[in-house]
């Protein structure tokens, strides 16, 4: 079933291993997709791998074998590797024996096509790819129209973000831009903008999320920048009854998104 590579010194494998680093992902214009479900969702969304790398000993479960069969039928190159090589490509403990390499999807504001009265989530300066992935899962679950990473401190298609999103990064429209570009774009689209802040002037349940609404969240370390203090942006808070003085970004996103769903239903 395709080529077999067992050496970490193989030039193709070395280039793939470099994709664990964001600089090399940008340089090569390629990403790593780790996991059967994640690869399936990428393919369903039209993000077709150039190669699928697999370890025979690790991918004996039916979903992995079915994925390999579909990839082969779709004329995707299959590369069998040793366990040692696969460990250098895989992320986390949930090794399913399959990793794909694909071209980086387009993710600009110009590419976004939104529906009337869509919900949009903006993540400013979020540095942990796991948080980006978790917010994408909530956005997918609540039917949000898009997630925009503004002035991101991790690239959108970091393999850990892909893994944490369970592949929803390929099903929810996404974009990367600066904070100022994002704010200007939202205003041109006629969005009401709600910024989550610990010291927000209103509780999140008092906001009206029924129209075209953007929920903006900052990093857990620094919160939101002054870009999101402009006139016309409503600062919202969640009740903080304990000793913590910062918002959990993924939980905050879920709470506010489900409040929007409640209002809209």
Protein backbone atom coordinates (compact mmCIF):
# COMPACT_ATOMS: atom_id res chain seq x y z
CA UNK A 1 0.00 0.00 0.00
CA UNK A 2 2.34 2.73 -1.24
CA UNK A 3 5.88 3.76 -0.29
CA UNK A 4 7.57 2.57 2.91
CA UNK A 5 10.05 4.74 4.85
CA UNK A 6 11.82 3.70 8.04
CA UNK A 7 14.58 6.31 8.37
CA UNK A 8 14.28 9.63 10.20
CA UNK A 9 16.96 10.93 7.84
CA UNK A 10 14.74 10.54 4.79
CA UNK A 11 14.46 14.04 3.20
CA UNK A 12 10.67 13.85 2.84
CA UNK A 13 10.24 12.79 6.45
CA UNK A 14 12.57 15.56 7.65
CA UNK A 15 10.45 18.14 5.80
CA UNK A 16 7.27 16.72 7.36
CA UNK A 17 8.76 16.78 10.87
CA UNK A 18 9.62 20.45 10.36
CA UNK A 19 5.89 21.10 9.96
CA UNK A 20 5.59 20.76 13.73
CA UNK A 21 7.06 24.30 13.81
CA UNK A 22 4.94 27.29 12.78
CA UNK A 23 7.76 28.94 10.83
CA UNK A 24 8.13 25.91 8.62
CA UNK A 25 4.36 25.59 8.16
CA UNK A 26 4.34 29.14 6.83
CA UNK A 27 7.46 28.54 4.71
CA UNK A 28 6.18 25.32 3.16
CA UNK A 29 2.52 26.35 3.00
CA UNK A 30 1.58 22.96 4.43
CA UNK A 31 0.07 21.61 7.65
CA UNK A 32 -0.02 18.36 9.61
CA UNK A 33 -3.42 16.81 10.37
CA UNK A 34 -3.20 14.14 13.07
CA UNK A 35 -6.04 11.70 13.69
CA UNK A 36 -8.67 9.82 11.71
CA UNK A 37 -11.63 12.07 12.56
CA UNK A 38 -9.62 15.21 11.84
CA UNK A 39 -8.43 13.95 8.46
CA UNK A 40 -11.96 12.80 7.57
CA UNK A 41 -13.41 16.22 8.33
CA UNK A 42 -10.66 17.95 6.36
CA UNK A 43 -11.37 15.78 3.34
CA UNK A 44 -15.13 16.31 3.64
CA UNK A 45 -14.46 20.06 3.63
CA UNK A 46 -12.36 19.81 0.48
CA UNK A 47 -8.95 20.02 2.18
CA UNK A 48 -7.40 17.06 0.39
CA UNK A 49 -4.09 15.71 1.70
CA UNK A 50 -1.07 15.46 -0.55
CA UNK A 51 0.17 12.53 1.51
CA UNK A 52 -1.17 10.29 4.24
CA UNK A 53 1.49 8.78 6.50
CA UNK A 54 0.58 5.69 8.49
CA UNK A 55 2.13 3.15 10.84
CA UNK A 56 0.81 -0.32 10.11
CA UNK A 57 1.10 -1.52 13.72
CA UNK A 58 -0.85 1.44 15.11
CA UNK A 59 -3.76 1.78 12.68
CA UNK A 60 -5.41 -1.61 12.98
CA UNK A 61 -8.79 -0.14 14.03
CA UNK A 62 -11.54 -0.15 11.41
CA UNK A 63 -11.86 3.68 11.04
CA UNK A 64 -8.14 4.02 10.26
CA UNK A 65 -8.22 1.20 7.72
CA UNK A 66 -11.33 2.68 6.07
CA UNK A 67 -9.66 6.08 5.88
CA UNK A 68 -6.59 4.58 4.20
CA UNK A 69 -8.80 2.79 1.70
CA UNK A 70 -10.69 6.00 0.84
CA UNK A 71 -7.43 7.94 0.52
CA UNK A 72 -6.03 5.32 -1.83
CA UNK A 73 -9.22 5.39 -3.91
CA UNK A 74 -8.87 9.17 -4.10
CA UNK A 75 -5.31 8.75 -5.37
CA UNK A 76 -3.76 10.30 -2.26
CA UNK A 77 -0.20 9.09 -1.82
CA UNK A 78 0.14 6.65 1.09
CA UNK A 79 3.46 6.42 2.94
CA UNK A 80 4.02 3.63 5.43
CA UNK A 81 6.52 4.50 8.19
CA UNK A 82 8.06 2.80 11.19
CA UNK A 83 6.81 3.44 14.72
CA UNK A 84 9.89 5.56 15.43
CA UNK A 85 9.22 7.81 12.44
CA UNK A 86 5.50 8.08 13.23
CA UNK A 87 6.17 9.20 16.80
CA UNK A 88 8.06 12.21 15.44
CA UNK A 89 5.03 13.26 13.39
CA UNK A 90 2.14 12.53 15.78
CA UNK A 91 0.78 14.83 18.48
CA UNK A 92 -0.40 13.85 21.95
CA UNK A 93 -1.18 10.42 23.38
CA UNK A 94 -4.17 9.63 21.13
CA UNK A 95 -2.03 7.96 18.46
CA UNK A 96 -4.29 6.46 15.80
CA UNK A 97 -1.50 5.64 13.39
CA UNK A 98 -2.48 8.14 10.68
CA UNK A 99 -1.18 11.66 9.93
CA UNK A 100 -1.92 13.67 6.78
CA UNK A 101 -0.01 16.49 5.12
CA UNK A 102 -2.09 19.09 3.27
CA UNK A 103 -1.74 22.56 1.80
CA UNK A 104 -2.67 25.30 4.27
CA UNK A 105 -6.30 26.35 3.65
CA UNK A 106 -7.03 29.96 2.74
CA UNK A 107 -8.13 31.87 5.85
CA UNK A 108 -8.60 35.55 5.06
CA UNK A 109 -11.47 37.89 5.84
CA UNK A 110 -12.07 38.25 2.11
CA UNK A 111 -12.83 34.51 1.94
CA UNK A 112 -15.61 34.64 4.57
CA UNK A 113 -19.17 34.40 3.30
CA UNK A 114 -21.65 34.91 6.12
CA UNK A 115 -25.39 34.41 6.37
CA UNK A 116 -27.83 37.07 7.51
CA UNK A 117 -27.68 37.58 11.30
CA UNK A 118 -24.76 35.20 11.73
CA UNK A 119 -22.81 34.87 14.98
CA UNK A 120 -19.07 35.50 14.75
CA UNK A 121 -16.42 34.77 17.38
CA UNK A 122 -13.22 36.84 17.48
CA UNK A 123 -10.21 35.59 19.44
CA UNK A 124 -7.61 38.29 20.00
CA UNK A 125 -4.05 37.40 20.99
CA UNK A 126 -4.91 33.89 22.16
CA UNK A 127 -1.64 32.04 22.56
CA UNK A 128 -2.74 28.47 23.36
CA UNK A 129 -3.75 26.39 20.33
CA UNK A 130 -5.86 24.19 22.61
CA UNK A 131 -8.04 27.21 23.44
CA UNK A 132 -8.46 28.01 19.75
CA UNK A 133 -9.56 24.42 19.14
CA UNK A 134 -11.95 24.39 22.08
CA UNK A 135 -13.63 27.60 20.92
CA UNK A 136 -14.00 26.16 17.43
CA UNK A 137 -15.84 23.17 18.88
CA UNK A 138 -18.29 25.50 20.65
CA UNK A 139 -18.68 27.59 17.50
CA UNK A 140 -19.48 24.43 15.54
CA UNK A 141 -21.95 23.21 18.17
CA UNK A 142 -23.84 26.51 18.25
CA UNK A 143 -23.88 27.08 14.49
CA UNK A 144 -21.66 30.17 14.55
CA UNK A 145 -20.89 31.64 11.16
CA UNK A 146 -17.14 32.11 11.63
CA UNK A 147 -14.21 32.26 14.01
CA UNK A 148 -11.64 35.01 13.42
CA UNK A 149 -8.20 34.90 15.01
CA UNK A 150 -7.06 38.52 15.45
CA UNK A 151 -3.38 39.23 16.12
CA UNK A 152 -3.00 35.56 16.99
CA UNK A 153 -0.01 34.38 18.97
CA UNK A 154 -0.35 30.89 17.52
CA UNK A 155 -1.06 30.11 13.90
CA UNK A 156 -4.60 29.05 13.20
CA UNK A 157 -3.67 25.64 11.77
CA UNK A 158 -1.30 24.62 14.54
CA UNK A 159 -1.62 20.80 14.73
CA UNK A 160 -2.69 21.08 18.38
CA UNK A 161 -5.47 23.51 17.42
CA UNK A 162 -6.63 21.08 14.73
CA UNK A 163 -6.59 18.21 17.21
CA UNK A 164 -8.34 20.18 19.97
CA UNK A 165 -11.04 21.25 17.51
CA UNK A 166 -11.72 17.60 16.58
CA UNK A 167 -11.47 18.69 12.97
CA UNK A 168 -14.17 21.39 13.22
CA UNK A 169 -11.51 23.88 12.15
CA UNK A 170 -12.27 22.59 8.65
CA UNK A 171 -16.06 22.85 8.96
CA UNK A 172 -16.40 26.27 10.63
CA UNK A 173 -15.36 29.20 8.39
CA UNK A 174 -12.14 30.71 9.82
CA UNK A 175 -9.94 33.71 9.15
CA UNK A 176 -6.79 35.40 10.43
CA UNK A 177 -6.28 39.18 10.46
CA UNK A 178 -5.09 42.04 12.64
CA UNK A 179 -7.40 43.36 15.34
CA UNK A 180 -7.89 46.66 13.52
CA UNK A 181 -8.66 44.92 10.23
CA UNK A 182 -11.14 42.66 12.02
CA UNK A 183 -12.91 45.55 13.74
CA UNK A 184 -13.17 47.52 10.49
CA UNK A 185 -14.49 44.44 8.66
CA UNK A 186 -17.15 43.77 11.32
CA UNK A 187 -18.32 47.38 11.13
CA UNK A 188 -18.56 47.26 7.35
CA UNK A 189 -20.68 44.12 7.70
CA UNK A 190 -23.00 45.88 10.15
CA UNK A 191 -22.24 43.69 13.18
CA UNK A 192 -23.08 44.52 16.77
CA UNK A 193 -19.85 43.95 18.69
CA UNK A 194 -19.68 42.58 22.23
CA UNK A 195 -16.36 42.45 24.06
CA UNK A 196 -15.95 40.05 26.99
CA UNK A 197 -14.18 41.85 29.85
CA UNK A 198 -13.87 41.10 33.55
CA UNK A 199 -14.96 44.69 34.27
CA UNK A 200 -17.66 44.87 31.58
CA UNK A 201 -20.45 47.34 32.24
CA UNK A 202 -23.25 44.81 31.60
CA UNK A 203 -23.82 41.15 32.40
CA UNK A 204 -23.74 38.98 29.25
CA UNK A 205 -27.41 38.01 29.65
CA UNK A 206 -28.39 41.67 29.20
CA UNK A 207 -26.96 41.82 25.67
CA UNK A 208 -29.11 41.38 22.58
CA UNK A 209 -27.47 38.67 20.47
CA UNK A 210 -30.44 38.16 18.15
CA UNK A 211 -29.05 40.05 15.16
CA UNK A 212 -25.68 39.92 13.43
CA UNK A 213 -23.43 39.74 16.48
CA UNK A 214 -19.71 39.36 17.10
CA UNK A 215 -18.41 38.08 20.44
CA UNK A 216 -14.83 39.19 21.06
CA UNK A 217 -12.56 37.45 23.59
CA UNK A 218 -8.96 38.11 24.55
CA UNK A 219 -6.11 36.05 25.92
CA UNK A 220 -6.35 34.75 29.47
CA UNK A 221 -3.08 36.48 30.34
CA UNK A 222 -3.72 39.95 28.93
CA UNK A 223 -7.41 40.26 28.06
CA UNK A 224 -8.44 42.52 25.18
CA UNK A 225 -6.42 45.43 23.79
CA UNK A 226 -7.73 48.98 23.51
CA UNK A 227 -8.79 48.32 19.92
CA UNK A 228 -11.92 46.78 21.41
CA UNK A 229 -12.70 49.81 23.58
CA UNK A 230 -13.85 51.90 20.61
CA UNK A 231 -17.18 53.66 20.62
CA UNK A 232 -20.14 51.39 19.90
CA UNK A 233 -18.57 48.24 21.36
CA UNK A 234 -20.47 46.89 24.36
CA UNK A 235 -18.31 45.44 27.16
CA UNK A 236 -19.89 42.40 28.79
CA UNK A 237 -18.92 40.50 31.91
CA UNK A 238 -19.60 37.07 33.33
CA UNK A 239 -20.25 36.86 37.08
CA UNK A 240 -16.93 36.15 38.86
CA UNK A 241 -17.72 34.89 42.35
CA UNK A 242 -14.38 33.32 43.27
CA UNK A 243 -10.79 34.53 43.59
CA UNK A 244 -9.82 34.26 39.90
CA UNK A 245 -9.43 37.58 38.13
CA UNK A 246 -9.35 36.44 34.51
CA UNK A 247 -11.86 34.78 32.20
CA UNK A 248 -11.40 31.25 30.91
CA UNK A 249 -11.56 32.03 27.21
CA UNK A 250 -13.01 28.76 25.93
CA UNK A 251 -15.63 28.53 28.71
CA UNK A 252 -16.57 32.18 28.25
CA UNK A 253 -17.02 31.63 24.53
CA UNK A 254 -19.28 28.63 25.16
CA UNK A 255 -21.39 30.44 27.76
CA UNK A 256 -21.94 33.49 25.54
CA UNK A 257 -22.57 31.46 22.40
CA UNK A 258 -25.22 29.36 24.12
CA UNK A 259 -26.84 32.50 25.50
CA UNK A 260 -27.07 33.72 21.92
CA UNK A 261 -28.63 30.40 20.88
CA UNK A 262 -31.13 30.67 23.74
CA UNK A 263 -32.14 34.17 22.66
CA UNK A 264 -32.41 33.23 19.01
CA UNK A 265 -34.58 30.18 19.70
